[in-house]
C-alpha atoms as a PDB file:
ATOM      1  CA  MET A   1     -61.929-163.327-111.629  1.00  0.00           C
ATOM      2  CA  THR A   2     -65.145-161.477-112.377  1.00  0.00           C
ATOM      3  CA  GLY A   3     -68.071-162.489-110.178  1.00  0.00           C
ATOM      4  CA  TRP A   4     -71.776-162.256-110.907  1.00  0.00           C
ATOM      5  CA  ALA A   5     -71.948-159.008-108.936  1.00  0.00           C
ATOM      6  CA  ASP A   6     -69.356-157.450-111.251  1.00  0.00           C
ATOM      7  CA  ALA A   7     -70.902-158.660-114.485  1.00  0.00           C
ATOM      8  CA  PRO A   8     -72.430-155.983-116.746  1.00  0.00           C
ATOM      9  CA  PRO A   9     -76.226-155.919-116.713  1.00  0.00           C
ATOM     10  CA  SER A  10     -77.964-157.849-119.465  1.00  0.00           C
ATOM     11  CA  ASP A  11     -80.095-156.082-122.068  1.00  0.00           C
ATOM     12  CA  ALA A  12     -83.199-157.328-120.259  1.00  0.00           C
ATOM     13  CA  GLU A  13     -82.008-155.817-116.966  1.00  0.00           C
ATOM     14  CA  ARG A  14     -81.114-152.556-118.705  1.00  0.00           C
ATOM     15  CA  LEU A  15     -84.552-152.465-120.323  1.00  0.00           C
ATOM     16  CA  VAL A  16     -86.233-152.871-116.928  1.00  0.00           C
ATOM     17  CA  ARG A  17     -84.116-150.083-115.459  1.00  0.00           C
ATOM     18  CA  ALA A  18     -84.805-147.798-118.414  1.00  0.00           C
ATOM     19  CA  ALA A  19     -88.545-148.511-118.186  1.00  0.00           C
ATOM     20  CA  GLN A  20     -88.504-147.360-114.572  1.00  0.00           C
ATOM     21  CA  LYS A  21     -86.933-144.032-115.558  1.00  0.00           C
ATOM     22  CA  VAL A  22     -88.828-143.032-118.687  1.00  0.00           C
ATOM     23  CA  ASP A  23     -92.320-141.638-119.168  1.00  0.00           C
ATOM     24  CA  LEU A  24     -94.137-144.354-121.110  1.00  0.00           C
ATOM     25  CA  ASP A  25     -97.363-142.339-121.069  1.00  0.00           C
ATOM     26  CA  ARG A  26     -95.525-139.589-122.931  1.00  0.00           C
ATOM     27  CA  ALA A  27     -94.168-142.170-125.397  1.00  0.00           C
ATOM     28  CA  HIS A  28     -97.708-143.444-126.009  1.00  0.00           C
ATOM     29  CA  GLU A  29     -98.878-139.883-126.599  1.00  0.00           C
ATOM     30  CA  ILE A  30     -96.109-139.249-129.141  1.00  0.00           C
ATOM     31  CA  ASN A  31     -96.832-142.554-130.860  1.00  0.00           C
ATOM     32  CA  MET A  32    -100.537-141.862-131.205  1.00  0.00           C
ATOM     33  CA  ASP A  33     -99.835-138.303-132.333  1.00  0.00           C
ATOM     34  CA  SER A  34     -97.363-139.155-135.080  1.00  0.00           C
ATOM     35  CA  CYS A  35     -95.518-142.516-135.153  1.00  0.00           C
ATOM     36  CA  PHE A  36     -98.545-144.773-135.576  1.00  0.00           C
ATOM     37  CA  ARG A  37     -99.500-143.270-138.940  1.00  0.00           C
ATOM     38  CA  CYS A  38     -96.566-145.037-140.574  1.00  0.00           C
ATOM     39  CA  HIS A  39     -95.358-147.605-138.039  1.00  0.00           C
ATOM     40  CA  GLY A  40     -98.712-148.780-136.646  1.00  0.00           C
ATOM     41  CA  ALA A  41    -100.118-148.352-133.148  1.00  0.00           C
ATOM     42  CA  GLU A  42     -98.247-151.452-131.949  1.00  0.00           C
ATOM     43  CA  GLY A  43     -95.123-150.826-134.011  1.00  0.00           C
ATOM     44  CA  LEU A  44     -96.181-153.374-136.639  1.00  0.00           C
ATOM     45  CA  SER A  45     -96.350-151.380-139.835  1.00  0.00           C
ATOM     46  CA  THR A  46     -98.591-152.767-142.575  1.00  0.00           C
ATOM     47  CA  ASP A  47     -96.647-150.773-145.188  1.00  0.00           C
ATOM     48  CA  PRO A  48     -93.881-153.068-146.520  1.00  0.00           C
ATOM     49  CA  ASP A  49     -91.628-150.055-147.103  1.00  0.00           C
ATOM     50  CA  THR A  50     -91.850-148.922-143.472  1.00  0.00           C
ATOM     51  CA  PRO A  51     -89.911-150.773-140.766  1.00  0.00           C
ATOM     52  CA  ARG A  52     -91.480-152.594-137.870  1.00  0.00           C
ATOM     53  CA  LEU A  53     -90.444-151.027-134.567  1.00  0.00           C
ATOM     54  CA  ALA A  54     -91.991-153.619-132.262  1.00  0.00           C
ATOM     55  CA  GLY A  55     -89.323-155.587-130.412  1.00  0.00           C
ATOM     56  CA  GLN A  56     -86.514-153.325-131.628  1.00  0.00           C
ATOM     57  CA  HIS A  57     -83.761-152.670-129.044  1.00  0.00           C
ATOM     58  CA  PHE A  58     -84.577-149.528-127.049  1.00  0.00           C
ATOM     59  CA  ASP A  59     -81.075-148.035-127.313  1.00  0.00           C
ATOM     60  CA  TYR A  60     -81.017-148.665-131.053  1.00  0.00           C
ATOM     61  CA  ILE A  61     -84.322-146.813-131.559  1.00  0.00           C
ATOM     62  CA  ALA A  62     -83.153-143.879-129.443  1.00  0.00           C
ATOM     63  CA  ARG A  63     -79.878-143.696-131.386  1.00  0.00           C
ATOM     64  CA  GLN A  64     -81.629-143.770-134.760  1.00  0.00           C
ATOM     65  CA  LEU A  65     -83.981-140.978-133.695  1.00  0.00           C
ATOM     66  CA  ALA A  66     -80.979-138.899-132.597  1.00  0.00           C
ATOM     67  CA  ASP A  67     -79.281-139.598-135.948  1.00  0.00           C
ATOM     68  CA  PHE A  68     -82.400-138.506-137.847  1.00  0.00           C
ATOM     69  CA  GLN A  69     -82.630-135.361-135.724  1.00  0.00           C
ATOM     70  CA  SER A  70     -78.986-134.432-136.365  1.00  0.00           C
ATOM     71  CA  GLY A  71     -79.132-135.317-140.069  1.00  0.00           C
ATOM     72  CA  ARG A  72     -76.535-138.072-139.664  1.00  0.00           C
ATOM     73  CA  ARG A  73     -79.183-140.427-141.064  1.00  0.00           C
ATOM     74  CA  GLU A  74     -81.176-138.907-143.896  1.00  0.00           C
ATOM     75  CA  SER A  75     -84.956-138.973-144.260  1.00  0.00           C
ATOM     76  CA  ASP A  76     -87.093-135.903-144.831  1.00  0.00           C
ATOM     77  CA  VAL A  77     -90.027-137.507-143.021  1.00  0.00           C
ATOM     78  CA  MET A  78     -88.075-138.804-140.032  1.00  0.00           C
ATOM     79  CA  GLN A  79     -86.055-135.621-139.630  1.00  0.00           C
ATOM     80  CA  ARG A  80     -89.340-133.730-139.241  1.00  0.00           C
ATOM     81  CA  MET A  81     -90.723-136.334-136.833  1.00  0.00           C
ATOM     82  CA  ALA A  82     -87.607-136.310-134.646  1.00  0.00           C
ATOM     83  CA  ALA A  83     -86.917-132.568-134.802  1.00  0.00           C
ATOM     84  CA  ASP A  84     -88.481-131.606-131.465  1.00  0.00           C
ATOM     85  CA  LEU A  85     -87.900-134.803-129.485  1.00  0.00           C
ATOM     86  CA  THR A  86     -85.820-134.609-126.321  1.00  0.00           C
ATOM     87  CA  GLU A  87     -83.272-137.294-125.414  1.00  0.00           C
ATOM     88  CA  GLU A  88     -85.649-138.509-122.705  1.00  0.00           C
ATOM     89  CA  GLU A  89     -88.515-138.828-125.218  1.00  0.00           C
ATOM     90  CA  MET A  90     -86.303-140.732-127.655  1.00  0.00           C
ATOM     91  CA  LEU A  91     -85.357-143.218-124.947  1.00  0.00           C
ATOM     92  CA  ALA A  92     -88.992-143.480-123.826  1.00  0.00           C
ATOM     93  CA  LEU A  93     -90.056-144.296-127.392  1.00  0.00           C
ATOM     94  CA  GLY A  94     -87.298-146.898-127.561  1.00  0.00           C
ATOM     95  CA  VAL A  95     -88.556-148.628-124.430  1.00  0.00           C
ATOM     96  CA  TYR A  96     -92.184-148.275-125.536  1.00  0.00           C
ATOM     97  CA  PHE A  97     -91.583-150.136-128.802  1.00  0.00           C
ATOM     98  CA  ASN A  98     -89.008-152.577-127.397  1.00  0.00           C
ATOM     99  CA  VAL A  99     -91.617-154.233-125.165  1.00  0.00           C
ATOM    100  CA  LYS A 100     -94.143-154.671-127.987  1.00  0.00           C
ATOM    101  CA  PRO A 101     -94.361-158.224-129.430  1.00  0.00           C
ATOM    102  CA  SER A 102     -93.121-158.732-132.973  1.00  0.00           C
ATOM    103  CA  PRO A 103     -94.569-161.924-134.474  1.00  0.00           C
ATOM    104  CA  PRO A 104     -92.906-163.509-137.521  1.00  0.00           C
ATOM    105  CA  GLN A 105     -94.430-163.063-140.947  1.00  0.00           C
ATOM    106  CA  ARG A 106     -95.694-165.863-143.170  1.00  0.00           C
ATOM    107  CA  VAL A 107     -93.223-166.973-145.832  1.00  0.00           C
ATOM    108  CA  ARG A 108     -94.704-167.394-149.304  1.00  0.00           C
ATOM    109  CA  ASP A 109     -91.690-169.184-150.797  1.00  0.00           C
ATOM    110  CA  SER A 110     -90.201-171.700-148.365  1.00  0.00           C
ATOM    111  CA  GLU A 111     -87.418-172.725-150.772  1.00  0.00           C
ATOM    112  CA  LEU A 112     -86.266-169.121-151.152  1.00  0.00           C
ATOM    113  CA  ALA A 113     -86.356-168.685-147.356  1.00  0.00           C
ATOM    114  CA  ALA A 114     -84.257-171.857-146.995  1.00  0.00           C
ATOM    115  CA  VAL A 115     -81.529-170.252-149.135  1.00  0.00           C
ATOM    116  CA  GLY A 116     -81.775-167.190-146.925  1.00  0.00           C
ATOM    117  CA  ARG A 117     -81.490-169.322-143.797  1.00  0.00           C
ATOM    118  CA  PHE A 118     -78.271-170.873-145.127  1.00  0.00           C
ATOM    119  CA  LEU A 119     -76.811-167.448-145.962  1.00  0.00           C
ATOM    120  CA  TYR A 120     -77.904-165.939-142.640  1.00  0.00           C
ATOM    121  CA  HIS A 121     -76.242-168.647-140.568  1.00  0.00           C
ATOM    122  CA  ARG A 122     -73.345-169.714-142.801  1.00  0.00           C
ATOM    123  CA  GLY A 123     -72.692-166.989-145.361  1.00  0.00           C
ATOM    124  CA  ASN A 124     -71.263-167.672-148.825  1.00  0.00           C
ATOM    125  CA  GLU A 125     -67.621-168.723-148.689  1.00  0.00           C
ATOM    126  CA  PHE A 126     -67.329-168.589-152.485  1.00  0.00           C
ATOM    127  CA  SER A 127     -68.149-164.875-152.772  1.00  0.00           C
ATOM    128  CA  GLY A 128     -66.781-163.818-149.386  1.00  0.00           C
ATOM    129  CA  VAL A 129     -70.155-162.984-147.835  1.00  0.00           C
ATOM    130  CA  PRO A 130     -69.970-163.574-144.061  1.00  0.00           C
ATOM    131  CA  ASN A 131     -72.894-164.956-142.107  1.00  0.00           C
ATOM    132  CA  CYS A 132     -75.349-162.440-140.649  1.00  0.00           C
ATOM    133  CA  ALA A 133     -75.644-164.294-137.341  1.00  0.00           C
ATOM    134  CA  GLY A 134     -72.094-163.324-136.374  1.00  0.00           C
ATOM    135  CA  CYS A 135     -73.185-159.714-135.833  1.00  0.00           C
ATOM    136  CA  HIS A 136     -76.987-159.779-135.595  1.00  0.00           C
ATOM    137  CA  GLY A 137     -77.203-162.964-133.535  1.00  0.00           C
ATOM    138  CA  GLY A 138     -78.597-166.386-134.327  1.00  0.00           C
ATOM    139  CA  ARG A 139     -82.146-165.217-133.631  1.00  0.00           C
ATOM    140  CA  GLY A 140     -81.738-161.755-135.208  1.00  0.00           C
ATOM    141  CA  MET A 141     -82.775-159.957-132.030  1.00  0.00           C
ATOM    142  CA  GLY A 142     -80.411-156.989-132.399  1.00  0.00           C
ATOM    143  CA  THR A 143     -78.353-155.034-129.890  1.00  0.00           C
ATOM    144  CA  SER A 144     -77.920-151.445-128.790  1.00  0.00           C
ATOM    145  CA  ASP A 145     -75.760-150.915-131.884  1.00  0.00           C
ATOM    146  CA  LEU A 146     -77.387-153.244-134.408  1.00  0.00           C
ATOM    147  CA  PRO A 147     -81.038-153.497-135.443  1.00  0.00           C
ATOM    148  CA  ARG A 148     -83.370-156.364-134.688  1.00  0.00           C
ATOM    149  CA  LEU A 149     -83.898-158.167-137.985  1.00  0.00           C
ATOM    150  CA  ALA A 150     -86.291-160.930-136.906  1.00  0.00           C
ATOM    151  CA  GLY A 151     -89.783-160.435-138.314  1.00  0.00           C
ATOM    152  CA  GLN A 152     -88.895-157.351-140.334  1.00  0.00           C
ATOM    153  CA  SER A 153     -90.826-156.714-143.555  1.00  0.00           C
ATOM    154  CA  MET A 154     -89.311-158.544-146.506  1.00  0.00           C
ATOM    155  CA  ARG A 155     -89.458-155.536-148.811  1.00  0.00           C
ATOM    156  CA  TYR A 156     -88.000-153.186-146.195  1.00  0.00           C
ATOM    157  CA  THR A 157     -85.033-155.523-145.629  1.00  0.00           C
ATOM    158  CA  GLU A 158     -84.480-155.858-149.370  1.00  0.00           C
ATOM    159  CA  THR A 159     -84.500-152.076-149.784  1.00  0.00           C
ATOM    160  CA  GLN A 160     -82.040-151.507-146.941  1.00  0.00           C
ATOM    161  CA  LEU A 161     -79.608-154.096-148.284  1.00  0.00           C
ATOM    162  CA  GLN A 162     -79.792-152.451-151.717  1.00  0.00           C
ATOM    163  CA  LEU A 163     -79.181-149.027-150.162  1.00  0.00           C
ATOM    164  CA  PHE A 164     -76.139-150.347-148.307  1.00  0.00           C
ATOM    165  CA  SER A 165     -74.890-151.936-151.526  1.00  0.00           C
ATOM    166  CA  GLU A 166     -75.325-148.729-153.523  1.00  0.00           C
ATOM    167  CA  ARG A 167     -74.069-146.619-150.570  1.00  0.00           C
ATOM    168  CA  PRO A 168     -76.892-144.083-150.084  1.00  0.00           C
ATOM    169  CA  ARG A 169     -76.941-145.207-146.435  1.00  0.00           C
ATOM    170  CA  THR A 170     -73.746-143.695-145.078  1.00  0.00           C
ATOM    171  CA  GLU A 171     -74.188-143.483-141.319  1.00  0.00           C
ATOM    172  CA  GLY A 172     -70.809-145.025-140.562  1.00  0.00           C
ATOM    173  CA  ASN A 173     -71.431-148.681-141.344  1.00  0.00           C
ATOM    174  CA  GLU A 174     -68.618-149.797-143.601  1.00  0.00           C
ATOM    175  CA  VAL A 175     -69.201-153.437-142.647  1.00  0.00           C
ATOM    176  CA  MET A 176     -72.698-153.399-144.145  1.00  0.00           C
ATOM    177  CA  HIS A 177     -71.491-151.621-147.283  1.00  0.00           C
ATOM    178  CA  GLU A 178     -68.846-154.304-147.740  1.00  0.00           C
ATOM    179  CA  VAL A 179     -71.243-157.212-147.126  1.00  0.00           C
ATOM    180  CA  ALA A 180     -74.184-155.894-149.144  1.00  0.00           C
ATOM    181  CA  SER A 181     -72.013-155.051-152.158  1.00  0.00           C
ATOM    182  CA  LYS A 182     -71.186-158.764-152.518  1.00  0.00           C
ATOM    183  CA  LEU A 183     -74.787-159.983-152.387  1.00  0.00           C
ATOM    184  CA  THR A 184     -76.619-160.945-155.565  1.00  0.00           C
ATOM    185  CA  GLU A 185     -80.246-159.951-156.097  1.00  0.00           C
ATOM    186  CA  LEU A 186     -81.267-163.543-155.376  1.00  0.00           C
ATOM    187  CA  GLU A 187     -79.308-163.571-152.121  1.00  0.00           C
ATOM    188  CA  ILE A 188     -80.829-160.260-151.023  1.00  0.00           C
ATOM    189  CA  ARG A 189     -84.333-161.551-151.691  1.00  0.00           C
ATOM    190  CA  ALA A 190     -83.621-164.885-149.988  1.00  0.00           C
ATOM    191  CA  LEU A 191     -82.198-163.223-146.878  1.00  0.00           C
ATOM    192  CA  ALA A 192     -85.160-160.850-146.701  1.00  0.00           C
ATOM    193  CA  ALA A 193     -87.589-163.775-146.944  1.00  0.00           C
ATOM    194  CA  TYR A 194     -85.878-165.737-144.180  1.00  0.00           C
ATOM    195  CA  ILE A 195     -85.472-162.704-141.906  1.00  0.00           C
ATOM    196  CA  SER A 196     -89.180-161.899-142.190  1.00  0.00           C
ATOM    197  CA  SER A 197     -89.990-165.377-140.866  1.00  0.00           C
ATOM    198  CA  MET A 198     -87.631-165.285-137.869  1.00  0.00           C
ATOM    199  CA  GLU A 199     -89.137-165.295-134.374  1.00  0.00           C
END
């Protein structure tokens, strides 16, 4: 029987350990030199086409930066930004943004968000769309492998779901291609509205 001493560390414990190892001053310097122009000084981008980084899982951020650097994930802008980053700097940036608060956004259409809430937690059995909570968690907080969704810009989420549906995003996520291809435009918009309001 596995005891508490043998249990794997939680994400919170891993974040604390990572924070003790990385150079957060260097992460702040990199942010203020380049990241903040698009993502905001606190990781809360005001551009609806640019993702919020605040509160995003530190391992997930580091992995995405590595994927941009290698070309596994495509973006002319991000490939340039990540080109000279070391693994240590990528992890430091992950920790730096992970600890930033990410408040929910105000929903303009509560009825649309209610449809999104239903889809997020229950899916659509008639079209075969699974619920989002099964992978992304009931609160949308993300993991080392999956992005935090809670509080993300509505338009950014819509765009990403459309890209998964049309398959321009190809960094090894067949599950998202399969799910997004079954979503209607209304469902995409409803999910994006609800996700933006999640805390």
